[in-house]
Every structure is written in C-alpha cells, then in structure tokens.
Amino acid sequence: MTACSSGATAMHAAVTALARGDCDQAVVGASTYLGSAQTSAGFARLGVISPGWARRPGNGC
C-alpha cells in the first residue's frame, strides 16, 4: 500500500465500469492528506512517498 494507491484503485474501478458498460463516462479523483509533519515523516521513512514529494513511476504516486 502506498500513500496514493486510492487514485490507482479509483482509476481501476472507473475503467472496469466503462469496459463492462456500466456507465458511459467516469470521473476519477483522489487525494492524500498528510495532516502533520510527524505523519509525513513516518510515510517518508516507510518509503511510500518520494523524496521532495515528487511523483515518480513505481512508487504508487
């Protein structure tokens, strides 16, 4: 699990619904709220966010 897996999960659900014909259009959105410096530092130590908050392939963000 990464800090922004919810976005990938939401996208997968939307694509699946479109492919099945459950809907004609889909809107996908996701966000991650890291409410405190301690939370952010903890996620950084776990390696689930990239240094400097940059997005990079393979880290789930």
N, C-alpha and C. Protein backbone atom coordinates (compact mmCIF):
# COMPACT_ATOMS: atom_id res chain seq x y z
N MET A 1 0.85 -1.17 0.00
CA MET A 1 0.00 0.00 0.00
C MET A 1 0.89 1.23 0.00
N THR A 2 0.57 2.18 -0.83
CA THR A 2 1.32 3.43 -0.86
C THR A 2 0.41 4.58 -0.47
N ALA A 3 1.02 5.73 -0.30
CA ALA A 3 0.26 6.90 0.15
C ALA A 3 -0.82 7.32 -0.84
N CYS A 4 -0.69 6.98 -2.09
CA CYS A 4 -1.71 7.40 -3.05
C CYS A 4 -2.26 6.25 -3.89
N SER A 5 -2.35 5.08 -3.31
CA SER A 5 -2.95 3.95 -4.01
C SER A 5 -4.42 4.17 -4.30
N SER A 6 -5.08 5.01 -3.52
CA SER A 6 -6.51 5.22 -3.73
C SER A 6 -6.79 5.74 -5.13
N GLY A 7 -5.88 6.55 -5.68
CA GLY A 7 -6.05 7.05 -7.05
C GLY A 7 -6.01 5.93 -8.07
N ALA A 8 -5.09 5.01 -7.90
CA ALA A 8 -5.00 3.87 -8.82
C ALA A 8 -6.22 2.97 -8.68
N THR A 9 -6.69 2.79 -7.45
CA THR A 9 -7.88 1.98 -7.22
C THR A 9 -9.10 2.62 -7.84
N ALA A 10 -9.24 3.92 -7.69
CA ALA A 10 -10.36 4.64 -8.29
C ALA A 10 -10.32 4.56 -9.81
N MET A 11 -9.14 4.70 -10.38
CA MET A 11 -9.00 4.61 -11.84
C MET A 11 -9.36 3.21 -12.32
N HIS A 12 -8.91 2.20 -11.62
CA HIS A 12 -9.22 0.82 -11.99
C HIS A 12 -10.74 0.59 -11.95
N ALA A 13 -11.38 1.07 -10.92
CA ALA A 13 -12.84 0.91 -10.80
C ALA A 13 -13.55 1.61 -11.95
N ALA A 14 -13.09 2.80 -12.31
CA ALA A 14 -13.71 3.54 -13.41
C ALA A 14 -13.52 2.83 -14.75
N VAL A 15 -12.31 2.38 -15.02
CA VAL A 15 -12.03 1.69 -16.28
C VAL A 15 -12.83 0.39 -16.36
N THR A 16 -12.92 -0.33 -15.26
CA THR A 16 -13.70 -1.57 -15.23
C THR A 16 -15.17 -1.30 -15.52
N ALA A 17 -15.73 -0.27 -14.88
CA ALA A 17 -17.13 0.08 -15.10
C ALA A 17 -17.38 0.49 -16.55
N LEU A 18 -16.46 1.23 -17.12
CA LEU A 18 -16.59 1.63 -18.53
C LEU A 18 -16.52 0.41 -19.45
N ALA A 19 -15.58 -0.48 -19.18
CA ALA A 19 -15.40 -1.67 -20.01
C ALA A 19 -16.62 -2.60 -19.95
N ARG A 20 -17.24 -2.68 -18.79
CA ARG A 20 -18.43 -3.53 -18.62
C ARG A 20 -19.68 -2.90 -19.22
N GLY A 21 -19.60 -1.61 -19.50
CA GLY A 21 -20.77 -0.91 -19.99
C GLY A 21 -21.69 -0.45 -18.88
N ASP A 22 -21.19 -0.45 -17.65
CA ASP A 22 -21.99 0.01 -16.52
C ASP A 22 -22.29 1.51 -16.61
N CYS A 23 -21.43 2.24 -17.32
CA CYS A 23 -21.61 3.68 -17.49
C CYS A 23 -20.95 4.12 -18.80
N ASP A 24 -21.32 5.32 -19.24
CA ASP A 24 -20.74 5.87 -20.47
C ASP A 24 -19.56 6.80 -20.19
N GLN A 25 -19.53 7.37 -19.01
CA GLN A 25 -18.47 8.29 -18.62
C GLN A 25 -18.10 8.04 -17.17
N ALA A 26 -16.89 8.39 -16.82
CA ALA A 26 -16.45 8.24 -15.43
C ALA A 26 -15.56 9.42 -15.07
N VAL A 27 -15.67 9.85 -13.85
CA VAL A 27 -14.80 10.89 -13.31
C VAL A 27 -14.02 10.27 -12.16
N VAL A 28 -12.70 10.44 -12.18
CA VAL A 28 -11.85 9.84 -11.15
C VAL A 28 -11.11 10.96 -10.43
N GLY A 29 -11.10 10.88 -9.13
CA GLY A 29 -10.34 11.84 -8.34
C GLY A 29 -9.82 11.17 -7.09
N ALA A 30 -8.70 11.65 -6.61
CA ALA A 30 -8.14 11.11 -5.38
C ALA A 30 -7.22 12.16 -4.77
N SER A 31 -7.05 12.07 -3.48
CA SER A 31 -6.12 12.96 -2.81
C SER A 31 -5.53 12.24 -1.61
N THR A 32 -4.43 12.75 -1.17
CA THR A 32 -3.80 12.22 0.04
C THR A 32 -3.54 13.39 0.97
N TYR A 33 -4.00 13.27 2.18
CA TYR A 33 -3.80 14.32 3.18
C TYR A 33 -2.89 13.77 4.27
N LEU A 34 -1.74 14.38 4.36
CA LEU A 34 -0.79 14.01 5.42
C LEU A 34 -0.80 15.17 6.41
N GLY A 35 -1.64 15.03 7.44
CA GLY A 35 -2.01 16.13 8.31
C GLY A 35 -0.94 16.73 9.19
N SER A 36 0.14 16.09 9.40
CA SER A 36 1.15 16.64 10.31
C SER A 36 2.54 16.30 9.81
N ALA A 37 3.50 17.02 10.35
CA ALA A 37 4.89 16.75 9.98
C ALA A 37 5.29 15.34 10.41
N GLN A 38 4.77 14.88 11.55
CA GLN A 38 5.11 13.55 12.04
C GLN A 38 4.55 12.48 11.09
N THR A 39 3.33 12.67 10.61
CA THR A 39 2.74 11.72 9.68
C THR A 39 3.54 11.68 8.39
N SER A 40 3.87 12.85 7.88
CA SER A 40 4.66 12.93 6.64
C SER A 40 6.01 12.25 6.82
N ALA A 41 6.67 12.51 7.94
CA ALA A 41 7.98 11.90 8.19
C ALA A 41 7.84 10.38 8.31
N GLY A 42 6.77 9.92 8.94
CA GLY A 42 6.55 8.48 9.06
C GLY A 42 6.37 7.82 7.71
N PHE A 43 5.56 8.43 6.84
CA PHE A 43 5.38 7.89 5.49
C PHE A 43 6.71 7.91 4.73
N ALA A 44 7.49 8.96 4.90
CA ALA A 44 8.78 9.04 4.21
C ALA A 44 9.70 7.92 4.67
N ARG A 45 9.73 7.65 5.98
CA ARG A 45 10.57 6.55 6.50
C ARG A 45 10.12 5.20 5.96
N LEU A 46 8.82 5.03 5.76
CA LEU A 46 8.30 3.78 5.21
C LEU A 46 8.57 3.64 3.71
N GLY A 47 8.94 4.74 3.08
CA GLY A 47 9.24 4.71 1.66
C GLY A 47 8.01 4.76 0.76
N VAL A 48 6.88 5.23 1.30
CA VAL A 48 5.66 5.28 0.49
C VAL A 48 5.44 6.63 -0.18
N ILE A 49 6.29 7.60 0.11
CA ILE A 49 6.28 8.85 -0.63
C ILE A 49 7.70 9.10 -1.11
N SER A 50 7.81 9.79 -2.22
CA SER A 50 9.13 10.02 -2.78
C SER A 50 9.77 11.26 -2.15
N PRO A 51 11.08 11.33 -2.16
CA PRO A 51 11.77 12.49 -1.60
C PRO A 51 11.34 13.77 -2.31
N GLY A 52 11.11 14.81 -1.57
CA GLY A 52 10.73 16.09 -2.15
C GLY A 52 9.31 16.09 -2.70
N TRP A 53 8.53 15.04 -2.37
CA TRP A 53 7.13 14.92 -2.79
C TRP A 53 6.98 14.80 -4.30
N ALA A 54 8.05 14.52 -5.01
CA ALA A 54 7.97 14.39 -6.47
C ALA A 54 7.30 13.07 -6.83
N ARG A 55 6.51 13.09 -7.89
CA ARG A 55 5.89 11.86 -8.38
C ARG A 55 6.92 11.11 -9.20
N ARG A 56 6.92 9.81 -9.08
CA ARG A 56 7.83 9.02 -9.89
C ARG A 56 7.19 7.65 -10.15
N PRO A 57 7.44 7.10 -11.32
CA PRO A 57 6.85 5.79 -11.64
C PRO A 57 7.31 4.73 -10.65
N GLY A 58 6.39 3.86 -10.29
CA GLY A 58 6.76 2.72 -9.45
C GLY A 58 6.57 2.94 -7.97
N ASN A 59 6.35 4.21 -7.54
CA ASN A 59 6.16 4.39 -6.11
C ASN A 59 4.68 4.50 -5.76
N GLY A 60 3.80 4.29 -6.74
CA GLY A 60 2.37 4.31 -6.48
C GLY A 60 1.77 5.71 -6.51
N CYS A 61 2.63 6.71 -6.67
CA CYS A 61 2.12 8.07 -6.70
C CYS A 61 2.23 8.66 -8.08
